Amino acid sequence: MFVLENPVLQRELLVNLRMKRAFVLLAIYVALLGAVVYAAWPEGQRLNLARKPEEATRLVNMFFLGQYVLLSLLAPSFAAGTIVGEKERKTYEMLLASPMRPGAIVLGKLLASLAHLAVLVFCSLPIVMLCLPLGGVSLYEVLGTYVAMAASVITFGTISIAASSYFNRTIASLVVSYLVILPLALLGIVLYDALMAAARTRLFMLVVVFPGICGGLCAVLWSAVTRRLMHPPDVGAEAKDVVDLEQEQQRAVGMVIRSDQFPDRLFAPPKRVDHMADGVNPVYDKEIRSEIFGHGTLMLRLVIQLSMGLALVLMAFCLYIQPRGAPWYTSYVLLFNLLISPVFAAGAITNERERQTLELLLTTTLSPWQILTGKLISSFRVSAVLTAFLVWPLLLACLLPPWHYKDDLVTMGAYLLILLVSALTTVTTAMCCSVLFRRTTVSMLTSYLILLLLFALPVPMKIFADLFYRGTPLVAYVEEIQFLSPFAATFSLPLAATRSTGRAAEMASQVARDPGAYSTAIAFLVSYMIVDVFVVAVMTWLFHIRWRAVSR
């Protein structure tokens, strides 16, 4: 019943692999990898195979790293909704009451969710085989890389299933999964690149050490998930766990959210026990006071604790040990905001549709502008406050050595403006997707896709162009679109922080003579502020048209 006769596995495979999404994703994945290989293919008609060609080595390594990043991003999207999806479909109780063992249920969910990724990996093998005759990498390195990649994907899937068993919403499970998986994926990329010159050591790590670590982590998570299914918490109406906020706060490990104390009340104010004053937007009051705690505080506590734990390490290294790494810490804050903002905004309107309360909301005396602004401001407030928990190290760094307050004041202010505009853009984009789509999961995944294409895609495009098209006009074209990415805008800012006071003064004088040093950041701020205003106007127009149609 665990594999061959597992009804959960059979049902999930039949349903998921026959969906149009599976075929579309497969076509896009293979086309993307093929396009990268085609664009980076060496232009020379002859290659000297007596020694490792550098172009071929870069091509194969970029192929593996790109595939690893894509699989890391896709694994939670398939596995994070496996168990929580049963709760949302109100079939969780029936699954727990079935004669299946918890281990069989978890194994069926895991294998079914990883089946998509396995198909993607197998379909990429012909492209790898096409690159092998170029040299630069041996067959054993390819096999070892695929072994480590398979171990990583299984581990990421297990992490996502573990998160899925502890939450009642797919959105919460996805966010926590990404917060855990992305740092692990980044660590794997750093180690793979660091061992590039030591081929034997890297092969041993890929085949023996790395799979062993992944196997131990999977065993621990497997035990935790099966134990939770064997002894589930209280299940109430609609197959959802009963959440008692007082009991949850008492049993909470680590951080406890106190809604009546600062700064917790900034993002999670206490529920209202009195009447609202005149002029208060009821939509905003309801969203900010009740919606966040609707499913407990576990997600918020994990998000804050995981992000702050990693931020302390990055803060120490990027702001004090190596102060020139300040753009890396700012990029981490940007990535954190990119992850959490759609969680609070992508379901603003779709949740009303799913609860079948949208028509009731539209027939009230509230105008479309009041409804939209209430939901938009509440979402922005929560995401901005959570992001601000990671911003204070930048402000503190200006006052402590080895930083120079006067020399880096403008750059630090630009960092804060980039973070502010990025936070506003992520919220408005997710809110617009919530207006356009009918399901929260579709709205959130679309928001992530749009934001990744806008914010992150220009950076790898520039790296790719510098590696394979250096000295061509393509590099200049790619350089011109870097203002679309807040990450590129952050790294373009001049930084005078150094341990040498003389070099700091020299850097500050160079910046003063070069006003164009902030051109990329200024272009980013202006363009995205215009985009935000346009998106809000479009949302208001769409919502007003639908509101009038329903009213008639």
Protein backbone atom coordinates (compact mmCIF):
# COMPACT_ATOMS: atom_id res chain seq x y z
CA MET A 1 0.00 0.00 0.00
CA PHE A 2 3.01 2.31 0.25
CA VAL A 3 3.88 2.54 -3.48
CA LEU A 4 2.30 0.09 -5.91
CA GLU A 5 -1.19 0.08 -4.41
CA ASN A 6 -1.15 3.52 -2.80
CA PRO A 7 -4.54 5.13 -3.60
CA VAL A 8 -3.31 8.61 -2.67
CA LEU A 9 -0.41 8.32 -5.10
CA GLN A 10 -2.60 6.93 -7.88
CA ARG A 11 -5.24 9.61 -7.45
CA GLU A 12 -2.73 12.47 -7.32
CA LEU A 13 -0.85 11.24 -10.39
CA LEU A 14 -4.01 10.78 -12.44
CA VAL A 15 -5.33 14.23 -11.54
CA ASN A 16 -2.15 16.27 -11.59
CA LEU A 17 -0.31 14.85 -14.58
CA ARG A 18 -3.38 15.19 -16.80
CA MET A 19 -3.78 18.88 -16.09
CA LYS A 20 -2.95 21.39 -18.80
CA ARG A 21 -0.59 23.10 -16.40
CA ALA A 22 1.73 20.08 -16.44
CA PHE A 23 2.15 20.15 -20.23
CA VAL A 24 2.50 23.93 -20.40
CA LEU A 25 5.10 23.94 -17.61
CA LEU A 26 7.06 21.15 -19.30
CA ALA A 27 7.12 23.01 -22.62
CA ILE A 28 8.20 26.29 -21.01
CA TYR A 29 10.88 24.58 -18.88
CA VAL A 30 12.51 22.71 -21.76
CA ALA A 31 12.23 25.71 -24.08
CA LEU A 32 13.88 27.96 -21.50
CA LEU A 33 16.79 25.59 -20.89
CA GLY A 34 17.20 25.04 -24.62
CA ALA A 35 17.23 28.79 -25.25
CA VAL A 36 19.93 29.30 -22.61
CA VAL A 37 22.14 26.58 -24.10
CA TYR A 38 21.57 27.89 -27.63
CA ALA A 39 22.43 31.46 -26.63
CA ALA A 40 25.57 30.40 -24.74
CA TRP A 41 26.78 27.87 -27.32
CA PRO A 42 30.45 28.53 -28.26
CA GLU A 43 30.75 30.41 -31.54
CA GLY A 44 34.06 28.86 -32.55
CA GLN A 45 33.88 26.14 -35.18
CA ARG A 46 36.67 24.15 -33.48
CA LEU A 47 37.33 23.37 -29.83
CA ASN A 48 40.61 22.13 -28.39
CA LEU A 49 39.50 19.09 -26.38
CA ALA A 50 43.02 18.41 -25.12
CA ARG A 51 42.34 20.83 -22.33
CA LYS A 52 39.10 21.93 -20.66
CA PRO A 53 37.46 24.63 -22.77
CA GLU A 54 36.48 27.50 -20.49
CA GLU A 55 33.40 28.38 -22.51
CA ALA A 56 32.09 24.82 -22.38
CA THR A 57 32.76 24.59 -18.66
CA ARG A 58 30.88 27.84 -18.00
CA LEU A 59 28.02 26.64 -20.18
CA VAL A 60 27.58 23.32 -18.39
CA ASN A 61 27.92 24.86 -14.93
CA MET A 62 25.40 27.58 -15.77
CA PHE A 63 23.03 24.91 -17.09
CA PHE A 64 23.23 22.92 -13.85
CA LEU A 65 22.93 25.97 -11.60
CA GLY A 66 20.01 27.33 -13.60
CA GLN A 67 18.22 23.99 -13.43
CA TYR A 68 18.90 23.77 -9.70
CA VAL A 69 17.44 27.24 -9.10
CA LEU A 70 14.34 26.47 -11.17
CA LEU A 71 13.73 23.19 -9.34
CA SER A 72 14.20 24.92 -5.99
CA LEU A 73 11.55 27.49 -6.94
CA LEU A 74 9.14 24.89 -8.34
CA ALA A 75 9.34 22.29 -5.55
CA PRO A 76 7.26 24.26 -2.99
CA SER A 77 4.65 25.16 -5.59
CA PHE A 78 3.90 21.46 -6.10
CA ALA A 79 4.38 20.12 -2.56
CA ALA A 80 3.32 22.96 -0.24
CA GLY A 81 -0.37 22.44 -0.98
CA THR A 82 -0.55 18.66 -0.73
CA ILE A 83 -1.93 18.27 2.79
CA VAL A 84 -3.28 21.75 3.33
CA GLY A 85 -5.18 21.32 0.06
CA GLU A 86 -7.17 18.52 1.70
CA LYS A 87 -8.17 20.97 4.44
CA GLU A 88 -9.22 23.58 1.91
CA ARG A 89 -11.24 20.99 -0.05
CA LYS A 90 -12.80 19.79 3.23
CA THR A 91 -11.55 16.21 2.72
CA TYR A 92 -8.92 16.20 5.47
CA GLU A 93 -11.13 14.36 7.96
CA MET A 94 -11.95 11.62 5.45
CA LEU A 95 -8.25 11.16 4.69
CA LEU A 96 -7.40 10.81 8.38
CA ALA A 97 -10.27 8.34 8.88
CA SER A 98 -9.15 6.08 6.02
CA PRO A 99 -7.38 2.76 6.77
CA MET A 100 -4.16 4.04 5.21
CA ARG A 101 -1.10 4.44 7.39
CA PRO A 102 0.26 7.96 7.87
CA GLY A 103 3.54 6.93 6.24
CA ALA A 104 1.69 5.77 3.12
CA ILE A 105 -0.24 9.04 2.93
CA VAL A 106 2.93 11.14 3.23
CA LEU A 107 4.82 8.97 0.74
CA GLY A 108 1.98 9.17 -1.78
CA LYS A 109 1.77 12.95 -1.46
CA LEU A 110 5.56 13.32 -1.75
CA LEU A 111 5.98 11.08 -4.79
CA ALA A 112 3.01 12.66 -6.56
CA SER A 113 4.28 16.18 -5.98
CA LEU A 114 7.79 15.28 -7.14
CA ALA A 115 6.56 13.45 -10.24
CA HIS A 116 6.29 16.77 -12.09
CA LEU A 117 9.85 17.69 -11.20
CA ALA A 118 11.13 14.22 -12.15
CA VAL A 119 9.58 14.59 -15.60
CA LEU A 120 11.26 17.99 -15.97
CA VAL A 121 14.66 16.58 -15.00
CA PHE A 122 14.40 13.62 -17.38
CA CYS A 123 13.36 15.89 -20.23
CA SER A 124 16.47 18.00 -19.70
CA LEU A 125 18.84 15.03 -20.13
CA PRO A 126 19.07 15.34 -23.95
CA ILE A 127 20.23 18.93 -23.56
CA VAL A 128 22.95 17.81 -21.13
CA MET A 129 24.04 15.04 -23.49
CA LEU A 130 24.31 17.65 -26.22
CA CYS A 131 26.73 19.67 -24.09
CA LEU A 132 29.02 16.76 -23.12
CA PRO A 133 30.93 16.55 -26.44
CA LEU A 134 32.08 20.13 -25.89
CA GLY A 135 34.26 18.96 -23.02
CA GLY A 136 34.83 20.83 -19.78
CA VAL A 137 32.95 18.29 -17.65
CA SER A 138 33.08 14.50 -17.32
CA LEU A 139 30.22 12.02 -17.27
CA TYR A 140 30.91 11.25 -13.59
CA GLU A 141 30.48 14.92 -12.67
CA VAL A 142 27.16 14.99 -14.51
CA LEU A 143 25.92 11.89 -12.69
CA GLY A 144 27.11 13.23 -9.33
CA THR A 145 25.40 16.56 -9.96
CA TYR A 146 22.13 14.83 -10.77
CA VAL A 147 22.39 12.69 -7.62
CA ALA A 148 22.84 15.82 -5.49
CA MET A 149 20.07 17.59 -7.39
CA ALA A 150 17.67 14.69 -6.77
CA ALA A 151 18.56 14.69 -3.06
CA SER A 152 17.93 18.45 -2.91
CA VAL A 153 14.56 18.22 -4.65
CA ILE A 154 13.41 15.41 -2.34
CA THR A 155 14.51 17.44 0.68
CA PHE A 156 12.74 20.56 -0.54
CA GLY A 157 9.59 18.54 -1.19
CA THR A 158 9.72 17.05 2.30
CA ILE A 159 10.16 20.52 3.83
CA SER A 160 7.15 21.76 1.87
CA ILE A 161 4.99 18.80 2.96
CA ALA A 162 6.01 19.36 6.57
CA ALA A 163 4.95 23.01 6.29
CA SER A 164 1.72 21.90 4.59
CA SER A 165 0.81 19.72 7.57
CA TYR A 166 1.08 22.59 10.07
CA PHE A 167 -1.01 25.26 8.30
CA ASN A 168 -4.58 25.72 7.16
CA ARG A 169 -3.85 27.84 4.10
CA THR A 170 -1.72 27.09 1.07
CA ILE A 171 -0.38 30.64 1.09
CA ALA A 172 1.07 30.29 4.58
CA SER A 173 2.60 26.93 3.71
CA LEU A 174 4.19 28.34 0.56
CA VAL A 175 5.76 31.34 2.29
CA VAL A 176 7.27 29.33 5.15
CA SER A 177 8.55 26.74 2.66
CA TYR A 178 10.27 29.40 0.57
CA LEU A 179 11.76 31.07 3.65
CA VAL A 180 13.41 27.78 4.58
CA ILE A 181 14.28 26.52 1.11
CA LEU A 182 15.76 29.64 -0.50
CA PRO A 183 18.64 30.04 2.02
CA LEU A 184 19.42 26.32 1.66
CA ALA A 185 19.39 26.61 -2.13
CA LEU A 186 21.67 29.66 -1.97
CA LEU A 187 24.07 27.75 0.30
CA GLY A 188 24.14 24.88 -2.18
CA ILE A 189 24.99 27.27 -5.04
CA VAL A 190 27.80 28.88 -3.03
CA LEU A 191 29.33 25.49 -2.13
CA TYR A 192 29.05 24.21 -5.71
CA ASP A 193 30.81 27.31 -7.03
CA ALA A 194 33.46 27.27 -4.26
CA LEU A 195 34.47 23.68 -5.11
CA MET A 196 34.67 24.38 -8.84
CA ALA A 197 38.44 23.91 -9.00
CA ALA A 198 38.56 20.78 -6.78
CA ALA A 199 36.78 18.29 -9.04
CA ARG A 200 37.34 15.17 -6.91
CA THR A 201 36.36 16.87 -3.67
CA ARG A 202 33.22 18.26 -5.26
CA LEU A 203 32.30 14.85 -6.68
CA PHE A 204 32.69 13.26 -3.24
CA MET A 205 30.55 15.97 -1.67
CA LEU A 206 27.87 15.60 -4.33
CA VAL A 207 27.64 11.81 -4.18
CA VAL A 208 28.30 11.00 -0.50
CA VAL A 209 28.17 13.95 1.91
CA PHE A 210 25.33 15.98 0.47
CA PRO A 211 22.85 13.08 -0.02
CA GLY A 212 23.64 11.86 3.50
CA ILE A 213 22.77 15.22 5.04
CA CYS A 214 19.60 15.43 2.96
CA GLY A 215 18.61 11.89 3.98
CA GLY A 216 18.96 12.69 7.68
CA LEU A 217 16.91 15.88 7.37
CA CYS A 218 14.20 14.05 5.39
CA ALA A 219 14.02 11.32 8.05
CA VAL A 220 13.45 13.88 10.82
CA LEU A 221 10.76 15.71 8.87
CA TRP A 222 9.12 12.43 7.82
CA SER A 223 8.84 11.35 11.43
CA ALA A 224 7.32 14.70 12.45
CA VAL A 225 4.71 14.69 9.68
CA THR A 226 3.63 11.07 10.20
CA ARG A 227 3.37 11.65 13.96
CA ARG A 228 1.17 14.70 13.33
CA LEU A 229 -1.11 12.68 11.04
CA MET A 230 -1.31 9.87 13.56
CA HIS A 231 -2.20 12.26 16.40
CA PRO A 232 -3.76 15.29 14.65
CA PRO A 233 -4.89 18.39 16.52
CA ASP A 234 -8.56 19.07 17.11
CA VAL A 235 -10.40 19.28 13.79
CA GLY A 236 -13.44 21.52 13.69
CA ALA A 237 -15.84 22.72 11.02
CA GLU A 238 -14.81 22.51 7.35
CA ALA A 239 -11.96 20.13 8.25
CA LYS A 240 -9.82 22.95 9.69
CA ASP A 241 -7.74 22.80 12.82
CA VAL A 242 -9.24 24.52 15.82
CA VAL A 243 -6.99 27.45 16.73
CA ASP A 244 -7.22 28.84 20.25
CA LEU A 245 -5.11 31.99 20.32
CA GLU A 246 -4.57 31.95 24.08
CA GLN A 247 -3.56 28.30 24.09
CA GLU A 248 -1.35 28.82 21.06
CA GLN A 249 0.45 31.70 22.76
CA GLN A 250 1.05 29.59 25.85
CA ARG A 251 2.49 26.69 23.86
CA ALA A 252 4.46 28.88 21.46
CA VAL A 253 8.18 28.14 21.27
CA GLY A 254 10.35 31.21 20.86
CA MET A 255 8.66 34.45 19.89
CA VAL A 256 5.19 35.31 21.24
CA ILE A 257 3.07 38.00 19.56
CA ARG A 258 1.55 40.49 22.00
CA SER A 259 -1.05 42.44 20.10
CA ASP A 260 -1.37 45.03 22.88
CA GLN A 261 2.34 45.89 22.99
CA PHE A 262 4.77 47.72 20.72
CA PRO A 263 5.87 46.87 18.03
CA ASP A 264 3.49 43.89 17.67
CA ARG A 265 0.43 46.11 17.52
CA LEU A 266 1.83 47.79 14.40
CA PHE A 267 1.25 44.70 12.25
CA ALA A 268 -1.22 42.77 14.43
CA PRO A 269 -3.37 45.15 16.52
CA PRO A 270 -5.82 43.60 18.98
CA LYS A 271 -9.36 42.78 17.90
CA ARG A 272 -11.86 45.54 18.41
CA VAL A 273 -14.15 45.22 21.45
CA ASP A 274 -15.83 48.61 21.12
CA HIS A 275 -17.64 50.53 18.40
CA MET A 276 -15.76 52.12 15.53
CA ALA A 277 -15.49 55.88 15.48
CA ASP A 278 -17.05 57.95 12.72
CA GLY A 279 -14.99 58.18 9.55
CA VAL A 280 -13.10 54.91 10.10
CA ASN A 281 -12.86 52.69 7.03
CA PRO A 282 -14.58 49.45 8.13
CA VAL A 283 -12.78 47.37 5.50
CA TYR A 284 -9.39 48.55 6.72
CA ASP A 285 -10.35 48.01 10.36
CA LYS A 286 -11.59 44.48 9.67
CA GLU A 287 -8.56 43.51 7.60
CA ILE A 288 -5.93 44.81 9.99
CA ARG A 289 -7.57 43.54 13.19
CA SER A 290 -9.23 40.23 12.32
CA GLU A 291 -7.97 38.78 9.05
CA ILE A 292 -4.38 38.16 10.14
CA PHE A 293 -5.32 36.16 13.24
CA GLY A 294 -8.01 34.17 11.46
CA HIS A 295 -5.77 31.09 11.33
CA GLY A 296 -3.51 31.63 14.31
CA THR A 297 -0.11 33.28 14.67
CA LEU A 298 2.14 30.37 13.68
CA MET A 299 2.96 31.70 10.21
CA LEU A 300 3.77 35.21 11.44
CA ARG A 301 5.96 33.90 14.24
CA LEU A 302 7.90 31.60 11.90
CA VAL A 303 8.32 34.32 9.29
CA ILE A 304 9.72 36.78 11.81
CA GLN A 305 11.98 34.29 13.56
CA LEU A 306 13.43 32.75 10.38
CA SER A 307 14.03 36.10 8.71
CA MET A 308 15.60 37.68 11.79
CA GLY A 309 17.81 34.64 12.41
CA LEU A 310 19.32 34.84 8.93
CA ALA A 311 19.44 38.65 9.06
CA LEU A 312 21.70 38.60 12.12
CA VAL A 313 24.32 36.57 10.26
CA LEU A 314 24.13 38.71 7.13
CA MET A 315 24.14 41.90 9.19
CA ALA A 316 27.35 40.95 10.98
CA PHE A 317 29.16 39.99 7.77
CA CYS A 318 27.81 42.49 5.23
CA LEU A 319 27.63 45.60 7.40
CA TYR A 320 30.56 45.27 9.81
CA ILE A 321 33.04 42.56 8.81
CA GLN A 322 32.83 43.46 5.10
CA PRO A 323 30.98 46.80 4.92
CA ARG A 324 31.24 46.77 1.14
CA GLY A 325 28.62 44.01 1.26
CA ALA A 326 25.82 46.39 2.29
CA PRO A 327 24.07 45.93 -1.09
CA TRP A 328 23.86 42.20 -0.36
CA TYR A 329 22.06 42.81 2.92
CA THR A 330 19.71 45.27 1.22
CA SER A 331 19.03 42.65 -1.45
CA TYR A 332 18.14 40.17 1.28
CA VAL A 333 15.59 42.65 2.66
CA LEU A 334 14.21 43.13 -0.85
CA LEU A 335 13.88 39.37 -1.32
CA PHE A 336 12.12 39.04 2.03
CA ASN A 337 9.60 41.71 1.05
CA LEU A 338 9.13 40.04 -2.33
CA LEU A 339 8.18 36.82 -0.54
CA ILE A 340 5.79 38.14 2.10
CA SER A 341 3.96 41.00 0.37
CA PRO A 342 1.85 38.84 -1.98
CA VAL A 343 0.75 36.77 1.01
CA PHE A 344 -1.18 39.69 2.46
CA ALA A 345 -2.33 41.31 -0.81
CA ALA A 346 -2.90 38.50 -3.34
CA GLY A 347 -5.97 37.25 -1.48
CA ALA A 348 -7.56 40.61 -0.74
CA ILE A 349 -10.40 40.22 -3.27
CA THR A 350 -10.14 36.52 -4.11
CA ASN A 351 -10.76 35.60 -0.47
CA GLU A 352 -14.07 37.46 -0.66
CA ARG A 353 -14.98 35.45 -3.76
CA GLU A 354 -13.98 32.16 -2.14
CA ARG A 355 -16.00 32.96 0.98
CA GLN A 356 -18.89 34.09 -1.26
CA THR A 357 -19.03 37.49 0.48
CA LEU A 358 -17.98 39.70 -2.43
CA GLU A 359 -21.53 40.50 -3.51
CA LEU A 360 -22.44 41.41 0.06
CA LEU A 361 -19.43 43.72 0.20
CA LEU A 362 -20.30 45.34 -3.11
CA THR A 363 -23.90 46.05 -2.09
CA THR A 364 -22.87 48.07 0.98
CA THR A 365 -22.73 51.84 1.02
CA LEU A 366 -18.94 51.75 0.71
CA SER A 367 -17.51 53.05 -2.54
CA PRO A 368 -15.04 50.98 -4.61
CA TRP A 369 -12.30 53.41 -3.61
CA GLN A 370 -12.96 52.83 0.10
CA ILE A 371 -12.92 49.05 -0.35
CA LEU A 372 -9.71 49.04 -2.39
CA THR A 373 -7.85 51.54 -0.23
CA GLY A 374 -8.85 49.70 2.93
CA LYS A 375 -7.47 46.42 1.65
CA LEU A 376 -4.43 48.01 -0.01
CA ILE A 377 -3.34 50.06 3.01
CA SER A 378 -3.83 47.17 5.44
CA SER A 379 -1.75 44.84 3.25
CA PHE A 380 0.97 47.45 2.80
CA ARG A 381 1.04 48.21 6.52
CA VAL A 382 1.62 44.59 7.53
CA SER A 383 4.26 43.88 4.87
CA ALA A 384 6.03 47.20 5.49
CA VAL A 385 6.22 46.70 9.26
CA LEU A 386 7.53 43.14 8.87
CA THR A 387 10.13 44.38 6.39
CA ALA A 388 11.07 47.25 8.70
CA PHE A 389 12.22 44.70 11.29
CA LEU A 390 15.14 44.01 8.93
CA VAL A 391 15.83 47.65 7.98
CA TRP A 392 17.05 48.96 11.32
CA PRO A 393 20.57 47.45 10.91
CA LEU A 394 21.10 49.76 7.92
CA LEU A 395 20.26 52.79 10.03
CA LEU A 396 22.39 51.57 12.91
CA ALA A 397 25.37 50.92 10.64
CA CYS A 398 25.64 54.61 9.76
CA LEU A 399 26.38 55.46 13.38
CA LEU A 400 29.02 52.79 14.04
CA PRO A 401 32.52 52.23 12.66
CA PRO A 402 33.84 51.32 10.14
CA TRP A 403 31.07 53.31 8.45
CA HIS A 404 31.30 57.02 7.68
CA TYR A 405 28.02 58.78 8.33
CA LYS A 406 28.50 61.81 6.09
CA ASP A 407 29.97 59.91 3.14
CA ASP A 408 27.24 57.25 2.96
CA LEU A 409 24.19 59.27 4.01
CA VAL A 410 22.84 59.71 0.47
CA THR A 411 23.40 56.04 -0.38
CA MET A 412 21.63 54.88 2.76
CA GLY A 413 18.72 57.16 1.99
CA ALA A 414 18.59 55.69 -1.52
CA TYR A 415 18.53 52.17 -0.01
CA LEU A 416 15.50 53.10 2.08
CA LEU A 417 13.69 54.68 -0.87
CA ILE A 418 14.30 51.58 -3.01
CA LEU A 419 12.92 49.38 -0.25
CA LEU A 420 9.86 51.61 0.17
CA VAL A 421 9.01 51.76 -3.54
CA SER A 422 9.64 48.02 -3.93
CA ALA A 423 7.31 47.25 -1.04
CA LEU A 424 4.60 49.43 -2.57
CA THR A 425 5.08 47.80 -5.99
CA THR A 426 4.83 44.26 -4.63
CA VAL A 427 1.61 45.08 -2.79
CA THR A 428 -0.06 46.85 -5.71
CA THR A 429 0.93 44.08 -8.15
CA ALA A 430 -0.46 41.36 -5.89
CA MET A 431 -3.60 43.41 -5.27
CA CYS A 432 -4.15 43.84 -9.01
CA CYS A 433 -3.81 40.09 -9.55
CA SER A 434 -6.36 39.57 -6.79
CA VAL A 435 -8.80 41.81 -8.67
CA LEU A 436 -8.23 40.01 -11.98
CA PHE A 437 -8.31 36.36 -10.84
CA ARG A 438 -10.85 34.29 -8.94
CA ARG A 439 -8.62 31.99 -6.85
CA THR A 440 -6.10 33.06 -4.25
CA THR A 441 -3.48 30.48 -5.25
CA VAL A 442 -3.60 31.55 -8.91
CA SER A 443 -3.43 35.21 -7.90
CA MET A 444 -0.44 34.68 -5.64
CA LEU A 445 1.54 32.51 -8.08
CA THR A 446 0.90 35.03 -10.86
CA SER A 447 2.08 37.83 -8.57
CA TYR A 448 5.30 35.97 -7.82
CA LEU A 449 5.88 35.29 -11.51
CA ILE A 450 5.38 38.93 -12.52
CA LEU A 451 7.56 40.26 -9.71
CA LEU A 452 10.34 37.77 -10.41
CA LEU A 453 10.35 38.70 -14.09
CA LEU A 454 10.48 42.41 -13.30
CA PHE A 455 12.76 42.44 -10.25
CA ALA A 456 15.11 39.49 -10.72
CA LEU A 457 15.35 38.67 -14.45
CA PRO A 458 17.51 41.69 -15.50
CA VAL A 459 20.32 40.62 -13.13
CA PRO A 460 20.95 37.10 -14.55
CA MET A 461 20.53 38.55 -18.04
CA LYS A 462 23.41 40.93 -17.36
CA ILE A 463 25.58 38.16 -15.89
CA PHE A 464 24.82 35.96 -18.90
CA ALA A 465 25.64 38.74 -21.37
CA ASP A 466 28.91 39.57 -19.61
CA LEU A 467 30.00 35.92 -19.68
CA PHE A 468 29.11 34.95 -23.23
CA TYR A 469 28.60 38.21 -25.21
CA ARG A 470 31.31 40.48 -23.85
CA GLY A 471 32.20 43.26 -26.25
CA THR A 472 28.96 43.01 -28.25
CA PRO A 473 26.07 45.52 -28.47
CA LEU A 474 23.88 43.07 -26.51
CA VAL A 475 25.73 43.98 -23.30
CA ALA A 476 24.79 47.64 -23.73
CA TYR A 477 21.15 46.75 -24.40
CA VAL A 478 20.95 44.62 -21.28
CA GLU A 479 22.65 47.37 -19.27
CA GLU A 480 19.92 49.82 -20.26
CA ILE A 481 17.13 47.73 -18.66
CA GLN A 482 18.89 47.26 -15.33
CA PHE A 483 16.82 50.06 -13.80
CA LEU A 484 13.84 47.68 -13.79
CA SER A 485 15.43 45.61 -11.02
CA PRO A 486 15.69 46.96 -7.46
CA PHE A 487 18.61 44.57 -6.93
CA ALA A 488 20.54 46.15 -9.80
CA ALA A 489 19.60 49.63 -8.57
CA THR A 490 20.93 48.74 -5.12
CA PHE A 491 24.28 47.51 -6.43
CA SER A 492 24.65 50.54 -8.69
CA LEU A 493 24.77 52.95 -5.75
CA PRO A 494 28.24 54.19 -4.76
CA LEU A 495 29.50 53.15 -1.34
CA ALA A 496 32.29 54.89 0.54
CA ALA A 497 32.31 52.58 3.59
CA THR A 498 35.80 51.20 4.11
CA ARG A 499 38.33 50.82 6.87
CA SER A 500 40.55 53.48 5.34
CA THR A 501 39.45 57.06 6.01
CA GLY A 502 41.51 58.34 3.10
CA ARG A 503 39.86 56.01 0.61
CA ALA A 504 36.44 56.99 1.98
CA ALA A 505 37.13 60.67 1.38
CA GLU A 506 38.43 59.90 -2.11
CA MET A 507 35.31 57.87 -2.87
CA ALA A 508 33.03 60.64 -1.59
CA SER A 509 34.77 63.21 -3.79
CA GLN A 510 34.42 60.97 -6.85
CA VAL A 511 30.69 60.57 -6.18
CA ALA A 512 30.31 64.34 -5.84
CA ARG A 513 31.96 64.80 -9.26
CA ASP A 514 29.82 62.08 -10.85
CA PRO A 515 26.08 62.89 -10.51
CA GLY A 516 25.26 59.94 -12.77
CA ALA A 517 26.24 57.50 -10.03
CA TYR A 518 22.62 57.50 -8.84
CA SER A 519 21.02 57.44 -12.30
CA THR A 520 19.96 53.78 -12.15
CA ALA A 521 18.39 54.21 -8.71
CA ILE A 522 16.59 57.40 -9.75
CA ALA A 523 15.26 55.74 -12.91
CA PHE A 524 14.00 52.81 -10.82
CA LEU A 525 12.23 55.06 -8.31
CA VAL A 526 10.56 57.27 -10.91
CA SER A 527 9.47 54.45 -13.23
CA TYR A 528 7.99 52.26 -10.52
CA MET A 529 6.19 55.13 -8.84
CA ILE A 530 4.51 55.83 -12.18
CA VAL A 531 3.70 52.12 -12.54
CA ASP A 532 2.19 51.99 -9.04
CA VAL A 533 -0.07 54.96 -9.75
CA PHE A 534 -1.15 53.40 -13.03
CA VAL A 535 -1.89 50.00 -11.43
CA VAL A 536 -3.98 51.62 -8.67
CA ALA A 537 -5.92 53.59 -11.29
CA VAL A 538 -6.56 50.41 -13.30
CA MET A 539 -7.74 48.54 -10.19
CA THR A 540 -10.09 51.38 -9.27
CA TRP A 541 -11.53 51.48 -12.79
CA LEU A 542 -12.02 47.69 -12.96
CA PHE A 543 -13.53 47.54 -9.51
CA HIS A 544 -15.81 50.50 -10.20
CA ILE A 545 -17.09 48.92 -13.43
CA ARG A 546 -17.79 45.59 -11.70
CA TRP A 547 -19.35 47.36 -8.72
CA ARG A 548 -21.77 49.24 -10.94
CA ALA A 549 -22.61 46.08 -12.91
CA VAL A 550 -23.45 44.22 -9.70
CA SER A 551 -25.45 47.13 -8.31
CA ARG A 552 -27.64 47.24 -11.41
